[in-house]
C-alpha atoms as a PDB file:
ATOM      1  CA  UNK A   1      -2.445  65.504-115.641  1.00  0.00           C
ATOM      2  CA  UNK A   2      -4.180  61.982-116.315  1.00  0.00           C
ATOM      3  CA  UNK A   3      -7.363  62.147-114.261  1.00  0.00           C
ATOM      4  CA  UNK A   4      -7.180  65.709-113.713  1.00  0.00           C
ATOM      5  CA  UNK A   5      -9.230  69.005-115.362  1.00  0.00           C
ATOM      6  CA  UNK A   6      -7.537  71.776-117.919  1.00  0.00           C
ATOM      7  CA  UNK A   7      -8.741  75.055-117.450  1.00  0.00           C
ATOM      8  CA  UNK A   8      -8.386  76.477-121.064  1.00  0.00           C
ATOM      9  CA  UNK A   9      -8.947  80.143-121.148  1.00  0.00           C
ATOM     10  CA  UNK A  10     -11.314  81.351-124.373  1.00  0.00           C
ATOM     11  CA  UNK A  11     -11.102  84.825-124.104  1.00  0.00           C
ATOM     12  CA  UNK A  12     -14.318  87.425-124.693  1.00  0.00           C
ATOM     13  CA  UNK A  13     -17.389  87.156-126.479  1.00  0.00           C
ATOM     14  CA  UNK A  14     -20.929  88.231-126.304  1.00  0.00           C
ATOM     15  CA  UNK A  15     -22.050  84.388-126.460  1.00  0.00           C
ATOM     16  CA  UNK A  16     -21.126  80.854-124.795  1.00  0.00           C
ATOM     17  CA  UNK A  17     -18.401  79.787-127.472  1.00  0.00           C
ATOM     18  CA  UNK A  18     -18.814  76.171-128.217  1.00  0.00           C
ATOM     19  CA  UNK A  19     -15.769  73.882-127.340  1.00  0.00           C
ATOM     20  CA  UNK A  20     -15.034  70.439-128.209  1.00  0.00           C
ATOM     21  CA  UNK A  21     -11.845  67.955-127.460  1.00  0.00           C
ATOM     22  CA  UNK A  22     -11.957  65.734-130.357  1.00  0.00           C
ATOM     23  CA  UNK A  23     -15.751  65.226-131.026  1.00  0.00           C
ATOM     24  CA  UNK A  24     -16.937  65.574-127.547  1.00  0.00           C
ATOM     25  CA  UNK A  25     -18.513  68.916-126.589  1.00  0.00           C
ATOM     26  CA  UNK A  26     -16.878  70.392-123.462  1.00  0.00           C
ATOM     27  CA  UNK A  27     -18.237  72.374-120.458  1.00  0.00           C
ATOM     28  CA  UNK A  28     -17.515  76.137-121.187  1.00  0.00           C
ATOM     29  CA  UNK A  29     -18.074  78.149-118.321  1.00  0.00           C
ATOM     30  CA  UNK A  30     -17.587  82.023-117.099  1.00  0.00           C
ATOM     31  CA  UNK A  31     -19.237  85.242-118.728  1.00  0.00           C
ATOM     32  CA  UNK A  32     -19.118  87.645-121.874  1.00  0.00           C
ATOM     33  CA  UNK A  33     -15.763  89.192-120.304  1.00  0.00           C
ATOM     34  CA  UNK A  34     -14.015  85.624-120.563  1.00  0.00           C
ATOM     35  CA  UNK A  35     -14.979  82.210-121.059  1.00  0.00           C
ATOM     36  CA  UNK A  36     -13.218  79.087-120.230  1.00  0.00           C
ATOM     37  CA  UNK A  37     -13.550  75.524-121.219  1.00  0.00           C
ATOM     38  CA  UNK A  38     -13.436  72.703-118.454  1.00  0.00           C
ATOM     39  CA  UNK A  39     -11.701  69.338-119.630  1.00  0.00           C
ATOM     40  CA  UNK A  40     -12.001  66.200-117.895  1.00  0.00           C
ATOM     41  CA  UNK A  41      -8.659  64.124-118.809  1.00  0.00           C
ATOM     42  CA  UNK A  42      -8.657  60.518-118.940  1.00  0.00           C
ATOM     43  CA  UNK A  43      -6.384  57.914-116.564  1.00  0.00           C
ATOM     44  CA  UNK A  44      -5.672  56.409-119.453  1.00  0.00           C
ATOM     45  CA  UNK A  45      -4.249  59.956-121.484  1.00  0.00           C
ATOM     46  CA  UNK A  46      -0.640  59.858-122.689  1.00  0.00           C
ATOM     47  CA  UNK A  47       1.188  62.513-121.487  1.00  0.00           C
ATOM     48  CA  UNK A  48       2.597  64.957-124.015  1.00  0.00           C
ATOM     49  CA  UNK A  49       0.524  67.692-126.498  1.00  0.00           C
ATOM     50  CA  UNK A  50      -3.186  67.977-126.670  1.00  0.00           C
ATOM     51  CA  UNK A  51      -5.797  70.439-127.923  1.00  0.00           C
ATOM     52  CA  UNK A  52      -9.076  71.816-127.783  1.00  0.00           C
ATOM     53  CA  UNK A  53     -11.188  72.813-130.637  1.00  0.00           C
ATOM     54  CA  UNK A  54     -13.042  76.243-130.364  1.00  0.00           C
ATOM     55  CA  UNK A  55     -15.094  77.214-132.931  1.00  0.00           C
ATOM     56  CA  UNK A  56     -12.935  76.752-135.890  1.00  0.00           C
ATOM     57  CA  UNK A  57      -9.724  77.309-134.056  1.00  0.00           C
ATOM     58  CA  UNK A  58      -7.116  74.932-131.885  1.00  0.00           C
ATOM     59  CA  UNK A  59      -6.072  75.811-128.658  1.00  0.00           C
ATOM     60  CA  UNK A  60      -3.018  73.524-127.649  1.00  0.00           C
ATOM     61  CA  UNK A  61      -2.242  72.654-123.738  1.00  0.00           C
ATOM     62  CA  UNK A  62       0.218  69.899-122.375  1.00  0.00           C
ATOM     63  CA  UNK A  63      -0.664  66.908-120.325  1.00  0.00           C
ATOM     64  CA  UNK A  64       1.912  66.206-117.374  1.00  0.00           C
ATOM     65  CA  UNK A  65       2.860  62.803-116.467  1.00  0.00           C
ATOM     66  CA  UNK A  66       1.185  61.943-112.813  1.00  0.00           C
ATOM     67  CA  UNK A  67       2.249  58.041-110.875  1.00  0.00           C
ATOM     68  CA  UNK A  68      -0.232  56.849-108.971  1.00  0.00           C
ATOM     69  CA  UNK A  69      -0.395  54.676-106.279  1.00  0.00           C
ATOM     70  CA  UNK A  70      -1.375  50.974-106.285  1.00  0.00           C
ATOM     71  CA  UNK A  71      -3.614  49.446-103.821  1.00  0.00           C
ATOM     72  CA  UNK A  72      -4.233  45.683-103.150  1.00  0.00           C
ATOM     73  CA  UNK A  73      -7.612  44.285-102.254  1.00  0.00           C
ATOM     74  CA  UNK A  74      -9.207  40.885-101.300  1.00  0.00           C
ATOM     75  CA  UNK A  75     -12.584  40.462-102.742  1.00  0.00           C
ATOM     76  CA  UNK A  76     -14.976  37.567-103.804  1.00  0.00           C
ATOM     77  CA  UNK A  77     -13.378  35.343-106.974  1.00  0.00           C
ATOM     78  CA  UNK A  78     -16.673  35.795-108.760  1.00  0.00           C
ATOM     79  CA  UNK A  79     -15.889  39.482-108.980  1.00  0.00           C
ATOM     80  CA  UNK A  80     -12.539  38.996-110.599  1.00  0.00           C
ATOM     81  CA  UNK A  81     -12.973  35.510-112.662  1.00  0.00           C
ATOM     82  CA  UNK A  82     -15.838  36.121-114.131  1.00  0.00           C
ATOM     83  CA  UNK A  83     -18.255  33.326-115.501  1.00  0.00           C
ATOM     84  CA  UNK A  84     -19.382  33.690-119.410  1.00  0.00           C
ATOM     85  CA  UNK A  85     -22.716  34.830-117.690  1.00  0.00           C
ATOM     86  CA  UNK A  86     -21.413  37.683-115.889  1.00  0.00           C
ATOM     87  CA  UNK A  87     -18.824  39.040-118.454  1.00  0.00           C
ATOM     88  CA  UNK A  88     -21.579  39.231-120.844  1.00  0.00           C
ATOM     89  CA  UNK A  89     -23.886  40.864-118.241  1.00  0.00           C
ATOM     90  CA  UNK A  90     -20.602  43.391-117.545  1.00  0.00           C
ATOM     91  CA  UNK A  91     -19.921  44.430-120.975  1.00  0.00           C
ATOM     92  CA  UNK A  92     -23.796  44.793-121.374  1.00  0.00           C
ATOM     93  CA  UNK A  93     -23.514  47.329-118.431  1.00  0.00           C
ATOM     94  CA  UNK A  94     -20.559  48.881-119.887  1.00  0.00           C
ATOM     95  CA  UNK A  95     -22.283  49.632-123.423  1.00  0.00           C
ATOM     96  CA  UNK A  96     -25.282  51.110-121.253  1.00  0.00           C
ATOM     97  CA  UNK A  97     -22.753  53.367-118.550  1.00  0.00           C
ATOM     98  CA  UNK A  98     -21.245  54.884-121.572  1.00  0.00           C
ATOM     99  CA  UNK A  99     -24.387  56.509-123.230  1.00  0.00           C
ATOM    100  CA  UNK A 100     -25.109  57.647-119.701  1.00  0.00           C
ATOM    101  CA  UNK A 101     -21.416  59.283-119.523  1.00  0.00           C
ATOM    102  CA  UNK A 102     -22.018  60.780-123.246  1.00  0.00           C
ATOM    103  CA  UNK A 103     -25.264  63.088-121.572  1.00  0.00           C
ATOM    104  CA  UNK A 104     -24.724  66.671-122.423  1.00  0.00           C
ATOM    105  CA  UNK A 105     -27.377  69.093-121.081  1.00  0.00           C
ATOM    106  CA  UNK A 106     -28.003  72.532-121.045  1.00  0.00           C
ATOM    107  CA  UNK A 107     -28.015  74.778-119.000  1.00  0.00           C
ATOM    108  CA  UNK A 108     -24.363  74.361-117.439  1.00  0.00           C
ATOM    109  CA  UNK A 109     -24.219  73.933-113.714  1.00  0.00           C
ATOM    110  CA  UNK A 110     -24.031  77.045-111.648  1.00  0.00           C
ATOM    111  CA  UNK A 111     -21.835  76.174-109.039  1.00  0.00           C
ATOM    112  CA  UNK A 112     -18.751  73.816-109.478  1.00  0.00           C
ATOM    113  CA  UNK A 113     -18.694  73.271-105.966  1.00  0.00           C
ATOM    114  CA  UNK A 114     -19.512  70.138-104.479  1.00  0.00           C
ATOM    115  CA  UNK A 115     -20.472  68.665-100.996  1.00  0.00           C
ATOM    116  CA  UNK A 116     -19.669  65.184 -99.952  1.00  0.00           C
ATOM    117  CA  UNK A 117     -22.043  63.237-100.638  1.00  0.00           C
ATOM    118  CA  UNK A 118     -21.718  61.216 -97.426  1.00  0.00           C
ATOM    119  CA  UNK A 119     -19.387  62.113 -94.165  1.00  0.00           C
ATOM    120  CA  UNK A 120     -16.697  59.823 -93.618  1.00  0.00           C
ATOM    121  CA  UNK A 121     -12.681  58.559 -93.699  1.00  0.00           C
ATOM    122  CA  UNK A 122     -11.805  58.704 -97.815  1.00  0.00           C
ATOM    123  CA  UNK A 123     -10.650  55.184 -97.753  1.00  0.00           C
ATOM    124  CA  UNK A 124      -9.176  54.815-100.665  1.00  0.00           C
ATOM    125  CA  UNK A 125      -8.380  57.527-103.559  1.00  0.00           C
ATOM    126  CA  UNK A 126      -8.960  58.238-107.169  1.00  0.00           C
ATOM    127  CA  UNK A 127      -6.538  56.351-109.538  1.00  0.00           C
ATOM    128  CA  UNK A 128      -5.053  54.212-107.580  1.00  0.00           C
ATOM    129  CA  UNK A 129      -4.003  51.323-109.523  1.00  0.00           C
ATOM    130  CA  UNK A 130      -5.882  48.327-108.161  1.00  0.00           C
ATOM    131  CA  UNK A 131      -5.088  44.798-107.806  1.00  0.00           C
ATOM    132  CA  UNK A 132      -7.782  42.258-106.824  1.00  0.00           C
ATOM    133  CA  UNK A 133      -6.709  38.861-105.582  1.00  0.00           C
ATOM    134  CA  UNK A 134      -3.328  39.960-107.200  1.00  0.00           C
ATOM    135  CA  UNK A 135      -4.810  40.669-110.349  1.00  0.00           C
ATOM    136  CA  UNK A 136      -4.164  43.643-112.234  1.00  0.00           C
ATOM    137  CA  UNK A 137      -7.482  45.813-113.132  1.00  0.00           C
ATOM    138  CA  UNK A 138      -8.232  49.435-114.462  1.00  0.00           C
ATOM    139  CA  UNK A 139      -7.092  52.374-112.079  1.00  0.00           C
ATOM    140  CA  UNK A 140      -9.964  53.504-109.101  1.00  0.00           C
ATOM    141  CA  UNK A 141     -11.806  55.757-111.282  1.00  0.00           C
ATOM    142  CA  UNK A 142     -13.440  57.343-108.494  1.00  0.00           C
ATOM    143  CA  UNK A 143     -13.049  57.857-104.375  1.00  0.00           C
ATOM    144  CA  UNK A 144     -14.133  55.748-101.488  1.00  0.00           C
ATOM    145  CA  UNK A 145     -15.492  57.321 -98.607  1.00  0.00           C
ATOM    146  CA  UNK A 146     -15.772  54.828 -95.456  1.00  0.00           C
ATOM    147  CA  UNK A 147     -19.529  54.950 -93.666  1.00  0.00           C
ATOM    148  CA  UNK A 148     -21.897  52.216 -91.958  1.00  0.00           C
ATOM    149  CA  UNK A 149     -24.412  50.553 -93.587  1.00  0.00           C
ATOM    150  CA  UNK A 150     -28.080  52.889 -94.193  1.00  0.00           C
ATOM    151  CA  UNK A 151     -26.328  56.193 -93.933  1.00  0.00           C
ATOM    152  CA  UNK A 152     -27.931  58.663 -95.870  1.00  0.00           C
ATOM    153  CA  UNK A 153     -26.138  59.523 -99.491  1.00  0.00           C
ATOM    154  CA  UNK A 154     -27.204  62.880-100.328  1.00  0.00           C
ATOM    155  CA  UNK A 155     -26.530  64.846-104.358  1.00  0.00           C
ATOM    156  CA  UNK A 156     -23.347  66.401-104.326  1.00  0.00           C
ATOM    157  CA  UNK A 157     -24.718  69.139-106.487  1.00  0.00           C
ATOM    158  CA  UNK A 158     -28.171  70.143-107.825  1.00  0.00           C
ATOM    159  CA  UNK A 159     -29.262  68.285-110.888  1.00  0.00           C
ATOM    160  CA  UNK A 160     -31.568  65.324-112.575  1.00  0.00           C
ATOM    161  CA  UNK A 161     -31.206  61.432-111.938  1.00  0.00           C
ATOM    162  CA  UNK A 162     -30.429  60.304-115.480  1.00  0.00           C
ATOM    163  CA  UNK A 163     -29.851  56.597-114.193  1.00  0.00           C
ATOM    164  CA  UNK A 164     -30.397  54.185-111.512  1.00  0.00           C
ATOM    165  CA  UNK A 165     -29.800  50.484-111.472  1.00  0.00           C
ATOM    166  CA  UNK A 166     -28.343  47.325-109.980  1.00  0.00           C
ATOM    167  CA  UNK A 167     -25.073  46.908-111.495  1.00  0.00           C
ATOM    168  CA  UNK A 168     -22.785  44.090-111.672  1.00  0.00           C
ATOM    169  CA  UNK A 169     -19.466  46.024-110.110  1.00  0.00           C
ATOM    170  CA  UNK A 170     -21.110  49.265-109.060  1.00  0.00           C
ATOM    171  CA  UNK A 171     -24.027  47.346-107.058  1.00  0.00           C
ATOM    172  CA  UNK A 172     -26.679  49.677-106.546  1.00  0.00           C
ATOM    173  CA  UNK A 173     -26.034  53.187-108.392  1.00  0.00           C
ATOM    174  CA  UNK A 174     -26.999  56.321-108.774  1.00  0.00           C
ATOM    175  CA  UNK A 175     -26.300  58.902-111.636  1.00  0.00           C
ATOM    176  CA  UNK A 176     -26.953  62.732-111.350  1.00  0.00           C
ATOM    177  CA  UNK A 177     -26.470  65.428-114.565  1.00  0.00           C
ATOM    178  CA  UNK A 178     -25.288  68.681-113.511  1.00  0.00           C
ATOM    179  CA  UNK A 179     -25.540  70.390-117.200  1.00  0.00           C
ATOM    180  CA  UNK A 180     -22.407  70.680-120.049  1.00  0.00           C
ATOM    181  CA  UNK A 181     -21.299  67.322-119.429  1.00  0.00           C
ATOM    182  CA  UNK A 182     -20.733  67.389-115.809  1.00  0.00           C
ATOM    183  CA  UNK A 183     -22.233  64.211-114.226  1.00  0.00           C
ATOM    184  CA  UNK A 184     -21.870  62.093-110.215  1.00  0.00           C
ATOM    185  CA  UNK A 185     -22.177  58.809-109.645  1.00  0.00           C
ATOM    186  CA  UNK A 186     -23.387  56.816-106.170  1.00  0.00           C
ATOM    187  CA  UNK A 187     -22.850  53.489-105.889  1.00  0.00           C
ATOM    188  CA  UNK A 188     -22.725  50.013-103.771  1.00  0.00           C
ATOM    189  CA  UNK A 189     -26.078  51.705-101.783  1.00  0.00           C
ATOM    190  CA  UNK A 190     -28.009  49.413 -99.839  1.00  0.00           C
ATOM    191  CA  UNK A 191     -31.013  51.623-100.943  1.00  0.00           C
ATOM    192  CA  UNK A 192     -31.879  53.887-104.082  1.00  0.00           C
ATOM    193  CA  UNK A 193     -34.441  56.773-103.234  1.00  0.00           C
ATOM    194  CA  UNK A 194     -34.779  58.838-106.442  1.00  0.00           C
ATOM    195  CA  UNK A 195     -35.546  57.701-109.457  1.00  0.00           C
ATOM    196  CA  UNK A 196     -35.065  58.367-113.188  1.00  0.00           C
ATOM    197  CA  UNK A 197     -36.112  62.194-113.782  1.00  0.00           C
ATOM    198  CA  UNK A 198     -36.340  63.605-110.915  1.00  0.00           C
ATOM    199  CA  UNK A 199     -34.451  66.624-109.834  1.00  0.00           C
ATOM    200  CA  UNK A 200     -32.467  67.008-106.892  1.00  0.00           C
ATOM    201  CA  UNK A 201     -30.944  69.901-105.118  1.00  0.00           C
ATOM    202  CA  UNK A 202     -27.787  69.837-103.387  1.00  0.00           C
ATOM    203  CA  UNK A 203     -27.857  68.104-100.155  1.00  0.00           C
ATOM    204  CA  UNK A 204     -31.205  66.095-101.336  1.00  0.00           C
ATOM    205  CA  UNK A 205     -31.169  62.438-100.192  1.00  0.00           C
ATOM    206  CA  UNK A 206     -30.474  59.721-103.081  1.00  0.00           C
ATOM    207  CA  UNK A 207     -29.687  56.732-101.372  1.00  0.00           C
ATOM    208  CA  UNK A 208     -28.070  55.076 -98.584  1.00  0.00           C
ATOM    209  CA  UNK A 209     -24.811  53.256 -98.368  1.00  0.00           C
ATOM    210  CA  UNK A 210     -24.520  49.721 -98.627  1.00  0.00           C
ATOM    211  CA  UNK A 211     -22.069  47.191 -99.848  1.00  0.00           C
ATOM    212  CA  UNK A 212     -23.899  46.017-102.619  1.00  0.00           C
ATOM    213  CA  UNK A 213     -21.635  45.125-106.382  1.00  0.00           C
ATOM    214  CA  UNK A 214     -17.704  44.625-106.201  1.00  0.00           C
ATOM    215  CA  UNK A 215     -16.753  45.719-102.454  1.00  0.00           C
ATOM    216  CA  UNK A 216     -14.547  44.585 -99.430  1.00  0.00           C
ATOM    217  CA  UNK A 217     -17.363  46.104 -97.128  1.00  0.00           C
ATOM    218  CA  UNK A 218     -20.163  48.849 -96.722  1.00  0.00           C
ATOM    219  CA  UNK A 219     -18.922  52.197 -98.338  1.00  0.00           C
ATOM    220  CA  UNK A 220     -19.578  54.895-100.494  1.00  0.00           C
ATOM    221  CA  UNK A 221     -17.947  54.998-104.103  1.00  0.00           C
ATOM    222  CA  UNK A 222     -18.288  58.723-104.986  1.00  0.00           C
ATOM    223  CA  UNK A 223     -17.586  59.394-108.895  1.00  0.00           C
ATOM    224  CA  UNK A 224     -17.334  62.394-110.935  1.00  0.00           C
ATOM    225  CA  UNK A 225     -17.454  62.182-114.944  1.00  0.00           C
ATOM    226  CA  UNK A 226     -16.442  65.242-116.948  1.00  0.00           C
ATOM    227  CA  UNK A 227     -16.703  65.341-121.007  1.00  0.00           C
ATOM    228  CA  UNK A 228     -17.307  61.246-120.954  1.00  0.00           C
ATOM    229  CA  UNK A 229     -14.188  60.320-118.816  1.00  0.00           C
ATOM    230  CA  UNK A 230     -13.629  59.808-114.864  1.00  0.00           C
ATOM    231  CA  UNK A 231     -11.765  62.801-113.126  1.00  0.00           C
ATOM    232  CA  UNK A 232     -10.772  63.214-109.322  1.00  0.00           C
ATOM    233  CA  UNK A 233     -13.719  64.091-107.340  1.00  0.00           C
ATOM    234  CA  UNK A 234     -11.452  66.206-104.715  1.00  0.00           C
ATOM    235  CA  UNK A 235     -10.935  68.729-107.412  1.00  0.00           C
ATOM    236  CA  UNK A 236     -14.726  69.015-107.268  1.00  0.00           C
ATOM    237  CA  UNK A 237     -14.949  69.262-103.219  1.00  0.00           C
END
């Protein structure tokens, strides 16, 4: 379904097969006895037939519909009705973040079982159709976890820090690459405690909860991307 992950059986092979969705490489997991491609499905994906390519052959699968709930929020008007300067900044950041999301490295992750980066109540779930100050915007591409300012935020899985920064919508943010096109994002931080290139283990400190960027209060936005699209983090917890 849109925002979900399809697990596509690839069969047995002596070497890890190379699988793609269009021209985008996919995470392949398993062993010589049986491999599988994990396909992140974009929230914008239309229900219906889809396929992956695996070394000269194609495998079909079906995207089924899913209806997500709506959430109405009040935020600072400057984060909804952008000035020309803020719109230009946001567009520059979108271009940069698309490059970050295209990261694909090896080896693939040893485990896909993530830990929550911060304890707390899920205050906003993945996929919610967001309405800010009465204006519809893109669906929520992550999971919000309620926590107080300064609460430690940890890496949900071992990996390497590939991006940090202060972004217009995300505020202070940390991206961690886990291999095979699987990345996690922690944002709206009050402090960043890692730098690009750092290796982190699951549970290592990466920052602290804050209220930077477009927010209604302190919390952690936790995102997971797979083959360049945002997918539901709950699937990995």
